C-alpha cells in the first residue's frame, strides 16, 4: 500500500480553491470540497450542484469527509517534518516553500497559494524583492522616528537643565533671603538693646536727680519744721523772754526763708 507522502498533492487539493482541503465535505457524487468553498459556490450559483460534475445535491449540509481530513492533516504534517531539517519556512496550508509575498494581504505565500482563488488577481513579489522594498520603507520610518527621538532627547535635556537651574536658583534665593533676614534680625536686636540701654541710662540719671531733690527737700522740710517749732515755742513764752529772743528767732527764720526775712526786716 502506497504511503500518504507518495500520493500526488492534487489528491489533497480542493477543486474550487486549489488549496489543501480544509474541513472537507463529501457529496453524493463522491466529490469532496472544502466546506466553506462549497457553501460559497452554492451561494454564488444559487443552486446546490456539484462544482465538478454539476449534479444536483439533495443534501443541505453535506457530511464531513473525516478520512480525507485526517489524510490531509497527515500529509501537511509529514511535508513540514521533511523540511524541518533545513532553514526553509514552509506554507502552513500547503507545506511548500514561501517564495512570494502578497502585497494585498501583506503575507508570504507559496506557489500553490499564488494559484488559489484567495490570492487571485493579487500583486505578488519575490520574497527578496518584497523584503528589500519593505526594509527601505522601514529605513525611512526608522530615520524619521530616530530624528524625532533625537529631538525629544534634546528638548528633554533642555527641560532637565532648566529644572536643575530653577532648583539651584531657588536654593540660592532662599539662602540669600535667610542671610538678609538674619542681618535684619541682628540689626533690630542691636537697635533694641541700644535703645533699652539708653532708656535705662536716662532713667538712672533722672532717678538720681529726683533722689537728690528729694533729699534736699527733706532737709529743708526738716529745718523748716524745727524753725516753726522754735518760733511757736517763742510765741507762747513770756513777753520779756519773747522780745529778748526775737532777734535770734528772726535770724534763725532767715536761714530757711530769705524772702520772708526781708519782709520781716522791712517791717521791723
Protein backbone atom coordinates (compact mmCIF):
# COMPACT_ATOMS: atom_id res chain seq x y z
CA UNK A 1 0.00 0.00 0.00
CA UNK A 2 1.35 3.40 -1.01
CA UNK A 3 2.16 5.83 1.82
CA UNK A 4 0.39 9.18 2.12
CA UNK A 5 3.52 11.05 1.05
CA UNK A 6 3.76 9.02 -2.16
CA UNK A 7 0.35 10.19 -3.37
CA UNK A 8 0.26 13.25 -5.67
CA UNK A 9 -0.58 16.55 -3.99
CA UNK A 10 -3.56 17.01 -6.32
CA UNK A 11 -5.33 14.25 -4.40
CA UNK A 12 -5.38 16.60 -1.37
CA UNK A 13 -6.36 19.76 -3.27
CA UNK A 14 -9.83 21.29 -3.30
CA UNK A 15 -11.04 21.69 -6.93
CA UNK A 16 -12.57 25.09 -6.02
CA UNK A 17 -9.78 26.94 -4.15
CA UNK A 18 -6.88 24.70 -5.25
CA UNK A 19 -5.61 24.66 -1.65
CA UNK A 20 -5.18 21.68 0.61
CA UNK A 21 -8.61 20.63 1.89
CA UNK A 22 -9.91 22.40 5.00
CA UNK A 23 -12.81 20.64 6.76
CA UNK A 24 -13.65 18.65 3.60
CA UNK A 25 -17.26 17.58 2.95
CA UNK A 26 -18.38 14.88 0.50
CA UNK A 27 -21.39 14.94 -1.83
CA UNK A 28 -23.47 12.01 -3.02
CA UNK A 29 -21.50 12.08 -6.28
CA UNK A 30 -18.36 11.29 -4.19
CA UNK A 31 -16.67 14.60 -4.97
CA UNK A 32 -15.13 16.40 -1.99
CA UNK A 33 -14.66 20.14 -1.35
CA UNK A 34 -13.72 22.48 1.46
CA UNK A 35 -16.86 23.15 3.46
CA UNK A 36 -16.57 26.95 3.08
CA UNK A 37 -15.72 26.69 -0.63
CA UNK A 38 -18.81 24.58 -1.36
CA UNK A 39 -21.14 26.88 0.59
CA UNK A 40 -19.71 29.94 -1.18
CA UNK A 41 -20.07 28.24 -4.58
CA UNK A 42 -23.71 27.36 -3.89
CA UNK A 43 -24.48 30.92 -2.76
CA UNK A 44 -22.97 32.35 -5.96
CA UNK A 45 -24.72 29.83 -8.22
CA UNK A 46 -27.92 29.88 -6.18
CA UNK A 47 -28.07 26.19 -6.91
CA UNK A 48 -26.89 23.18 -4.92
CA UNK A 49 -24.94 21.45 -7.64
CA UNK A 50 -21.55 19.78 -7.65
CA UNK A 51 -18.85 22.22 -8.82
CA UNK A 52 -17.19 19.36 -10.76
CA UNK A 53 -19.94 17.19 -12.31
CA UNK A 54 -22.84 19.69 -11.96
CA UNK A 55 -25.03 17.03 -10.42
CA UNK A 56 -27.72 18.41 -8.14
CA UNK A 57 -27.29 17.63 -4.46
CA UNK A 58 -30.18 16.98 -2.14
CA UNK A 59 -28.01 17.46 0.92
CA UNK A 60 -28.34 20.84 2.62
CA UNK A 61 -25.46 20.06 4.96
CA UNK A 62 -23.08 17.55 3.37
CA UNK A 63 -21.26 15.21 5.73
CA UNK A 64 -17.67 15.84 6.76
CA UNK A 65 -15.18 13.63 4.98
CA UNK A 66 -13.29 12.72 8.14
CA UNK A 67 -10.94 10.25 6.48
CA UNK A 68 -9.90 12.84 3.86
CA UNK A 69 -9.41 15.49 6.53
CA UNK A 70 -7.17 13.16 8.52
CA UNK A 71 -5.17 12.26 5.39
CA UNK A 72 -4.72 15.97 4.51
CA UNK A 73 -3.56 16.82 8.01
CA UNK A 74 -1.10 13.92 7.96
CA UNK A 75 0.14 14.98 4.51
CA UNK A 76 0.84 18.54 5.65
CA UNK A 77 2.47 17.38 8.86
CA UNK A 78 4.72 14.92 7.02
CA UNK A 79 5.68 17.53 4.42
CA UNK A 80 6.60 20.05 7.09
CA UNK A 81 8.58 17.44 9.02
CA UNK A 82 10.59 16.55 5.90
CA UNK A 83 11.62 20.17 5.51
CA UNK A 84 12.15 20.85 9.21
CA UNK A 85 15.81 19.77 9.00
CA UNK A 86 16.57 22.79 6.78
CA UNK A 87 16.19 26.50 7.36
CA UNK A 88 13.28 26.97 4.94
CA UNK A 89 9.96 28.32 6.21
CA UNK A 90 7.07 26.40 4.69
CA UNK A 91 3.47 27.34 3.99
CA UNK A 92 1.21 26.17 6.80
CA UNK A 93 -1.52 25.39 4.25
CA UNK A 94 0.41 23.56 1.55
CA UNK A 95 3.78 22.71 3.05
CA UNK A 96 5.53 24.45 0.14
CA UNK A 97 8.41 26.88 0.42
CA UNK A 98 7.32 30.50 0.86
CA UNK A 99 8.84 32.15 -2.22
CA UNK A 100 6.41 35.01 -2.82
CA UNK A 101 4.89 37.93 -0.91
CA UNK A 102 1.29 39.10 -1.41
CA UNK A 103 1.19 42.90 -1.40
CA UNK A 104 -2.59 43.00 -0.81
CA UNK A 105 -2.65 40.58 2.16
CA UNK A 106 0.82 41.58 3.41
CA UNK A 107 1.91 37.96 3.97
CA UNK A 108 4.33 35.43 2.43
CA UNK A 109 2.73 32.81 0.18
CA UNK A 110 3.79 29.72 -1.73
CA UNK A 111 3.28 28.94 -5.45
CA UNK A 112 0.13 26.96 -4.62
CA UNK A 113 -1.30 29.97 -2.74
CA UNK A 114 -0.48 32.08 -5.81
CA UNK A 115 -2.70 29.88 -7.99
CA UNK A 116 -5.55 29.78 -5.46
CA UNK A 117 -8.69 31.89 -5.63
CA UNK A 118 -7.78 33.53 -2.34
CA UNK A 119 -4.90 35.38 -4.00
CA UNK A 120 -6.38 35.62 -7.49
CA UNK A 121 -5.53 38.98 -9.08
CA UNK A 122 -3.26 39.93 -6.21
CA UNK A 123 0.09 41.58 -6.88
CA UNK A 124 2.95 39.33 -5.81
CA UNK A 125 6.69 39.87 -5.48
CA UNK A 126 9.57 37.50 -4.81
CA UNK A 127 10.41 37.33 -1.12
CA UNK A 128 13.82 39.01 -1.52
CA UNK A 129 12.41 41.93 -3.56
CA UNK A 130 9.50 42.45 -1.16
CA UNK A 131 11.85 42.32 1.82
CA UNK A 132 14.14 44.90 0.17
CA UNK A 133 11.21 47.25 -0.57
CA UNK A 134 9.80 46.96 2.93
CA UNK A 135 13.23 47.36 4.51
CA UNK A 136 13.75 50.57 2.52
CA UNK A 137 10.34 51.76 3.71
CA UNK A 138 11.18 50.86 7.30
CA UNK A 139 14.57 52.57 6.95
CA UNK A 140 12.74 55.80 6.12
CA UNK A 141 10.32 55.27 9.00
CA UNK A 142 13.22 54.41 11.29
CA UNK A 143 15.11 57.54 10.22
CA UNK A 144 12.03 59.67 10.92
CA UNK A 145 11.45 58.05 14.30
CA UNK A 146 15.14 58.34 15.23
CA UNK A 147 15.14 62.03 14.27
CA UNK A 148 12.01 62.53 16.35
CA UNK A 149 13.60 60.68 19.28
CA UNK A 150 16.75 62.82 18.99
CA UNK A 151 14.65 66.00 19.09
CA UNK A 152 12.73 64.73 22.11
CA UNK A 153 16.04 63.94 23.82
CA UNK A 154 17.28 67.48 23.09
CA UNK A 155 14.08 69.01 24.44
CA UNK A 156 14.18 66.73 27.48
CA UNK A 157 17.82 67.64 28.12
CA UNK A 158 16.89 71.33 27.93
CA UNK A 159 13.96 70.74 30.31
CA UNK A 160 16.23 68.85 32.71
CA UNK A 161 18.80 71.65 32.63
CA UNK A 162 16.08 74.26 33.17
CA UNK A 163 14.62 72.28 36.08
CA UNK A 164 18.10 71.95 37.61
CA UNK A 165 18.75 75.68 37.12
CA UNK A 166 15.39 76.52 38.74
CA UNK A 167 16.26 74.33 41.71
CA UNK A 168 19.72 75.88 42.14
CA UNK A 169 18.33 79.38 41.71
CA UNK A 170 15.61 78.74 44.29
CA UNK A 171 18.20 77.37 46.72
CA UNK A 172 20.44 80.41 46.25
CA UNK A 173 17.49 82.81 46.62
CA UNK A 174 16.38 81.04 49.79
CA UNK A 175 19.91 81.27 51.20
CA UNK A 176 20.12 84.97 50.32
CA UNK A 177 16.72 85.70 51.91
CA UNK A 178 17.74 83.90 55.10
CA UNK A 179 21.03 85.82 55.26
CA UNK A 180 19.28 89.16 54.74
CA UNK A 181 16.70 88.41 57.41
CA UNK A 182 19.42 87.24 59.80
CA UNK A 183 21.18 90.57 59.28
CA UNK A 184 17.88 92.40 59.76
CA UNK A 185 17.14 90.43 62.93
CA UNK A 186 20.63 91.17 64.26
CA UNK A 187 20.25 94.88 63.41
CA UNK A 188 16.86 95.02 65.15
CA UNK A 189 18.27 93.15 68.14
CA UNK A 190 21.24 95.54 68.39
CA UNK A 191 18.92 98.53 67.97
CA UNK A 192 16.59 97.18 70.66
CA UNK A 193 19.47 96.64 73.08
CA UNK A 194 20.90 100.12 72.36
CA UNK A 195 17.56 101.84 72.93
CA UNK A 196 16.83 99.88 76.10
CA UNK A 197 20.35 100.70 77.36
CA UNK A 198 19.84 104.42 76.59
CA UNK A 199 16.44 104.31 78.27
CA UNK A 200 17.92 102.76 81.40
CA UNK A 201 20.72 105.35 81.49
CA UNK A 202 18.17 108.13 81.13
CA UNK A 203 16.07 106.55 83.87
CA UNK A 204 19.09 106.31 86.17
CA UNK A 205 20.05 109.94 85.55
CA UNK A 206 16.53 111.23 86.14
CA UNK A 207 16.12 109.00 89.19
CA UNK A 208 19.41 110.33 90.61
CA UNK A 209 18.30 113.94 90.07
CA UNK A 210 14.95 113.25 91.70
CA UNK A 211 16.67 111.49 94.58
CA UNK A 212 18.95 114.48 95.15
CA UNK A 213 15.97 116.85 95.01
CA UNK A 214 14.03 114.69 97.43
CA UNK A 215 16.96 114.61 99.82
CA UNK A 216 17.36 118.39 99.56
CA UNK A 217 13.67 118.95 100.08
CA UNK A 218 13.67 116.59 103.05
CA UNK A 219 16.50 118.56 104.64
CA UNK A 220 14.73 121.87 104.04
CA UNK A 221 11.47 120.48 105.36
CA UNK A 222 13.24 119.22 108.48
CA UNK A 223 14.90 122.62 109.02
CA UNK A 224 11.59 124.41 108.45
CA UNK A 225 9.86 122.11 110.89
CA UNK A 226 12.50 122.81 113.53
CA UNK A 227 12.28 126.57 112.92
CA UNK A 228 8.49 126.52 113.08
CA UNK A 229 8.60 124.58 116.32
CA UNK A 230 11.11 127.07 117.80
CA UNK A 231 9.04 130.06 116.69
CA UNK A 232 5.86 128.55 118.12
CA UNK A 233 7.68 127.96 121.37
CA UNK A 234 8.80 131.62 121.45
CA UNK A 235 5.29 132.72 120.62
CA UNK A 236 3.93 131.28 123.87
CA UNK A 237 6.83 132.49 126.02
CA UNK A 238 6.53 135.47 128.31
CA UNK A 239 6.73 138.81 126.57
CA UNK A 240 10.08 139.77 128.01
CA UNK A 241 11.64 136.47 127.02
CA UNK A 242 9.94 136.63 123.60
CA UNK A 243 11.39 140.08 122.94
CA UNK A 244 14.82 139.15 124.24
CA UNK A 245 14.95 136.18 121.83
CA UNK A 246 13.15 137.90 118.96
CA UNK A 247 16.30 138.94 117.09
CA UNK A 248 17.75 135.44 117.29
CA UNK A 249 14.41 133.96 116.24
CA UNK A 250 14.23 136.25 113.21
CA UNK A 251 17.78 135.46 112.20
CA UNK A 252 17.06 131.75 112.56
CA UNK A 253 13.99 132.04 110.34
CA UNK A 254 16.02 133.97 107.74
CA UNK A 255 18.33 131.00 107.23
CA UNK A 256 15.42 128.93 105.88
CA UNK A 257 13.38 131.68 104.21
CA UNK A 258 15.44 134.66 102.94
CA UNK A 259 12.43 136.26 101.22
CA UNK A 260 10.35 136.25 104.37
CA UNK A 261 13.37 137.52 106.29
CA UNK A 262 13.48 140.64 104.07
CA UNK A 263 9.79 141.26 104.63
CA UNK A 264 10.18 140.96 108.40
CA UNK A 265 13.33 143.16 108.42
CA UNK A 266 11.46 145.81 106.41
CA UNK A 267 8.58 145.87 108.91
CA UNK A 268 10.74 145.96 112.00
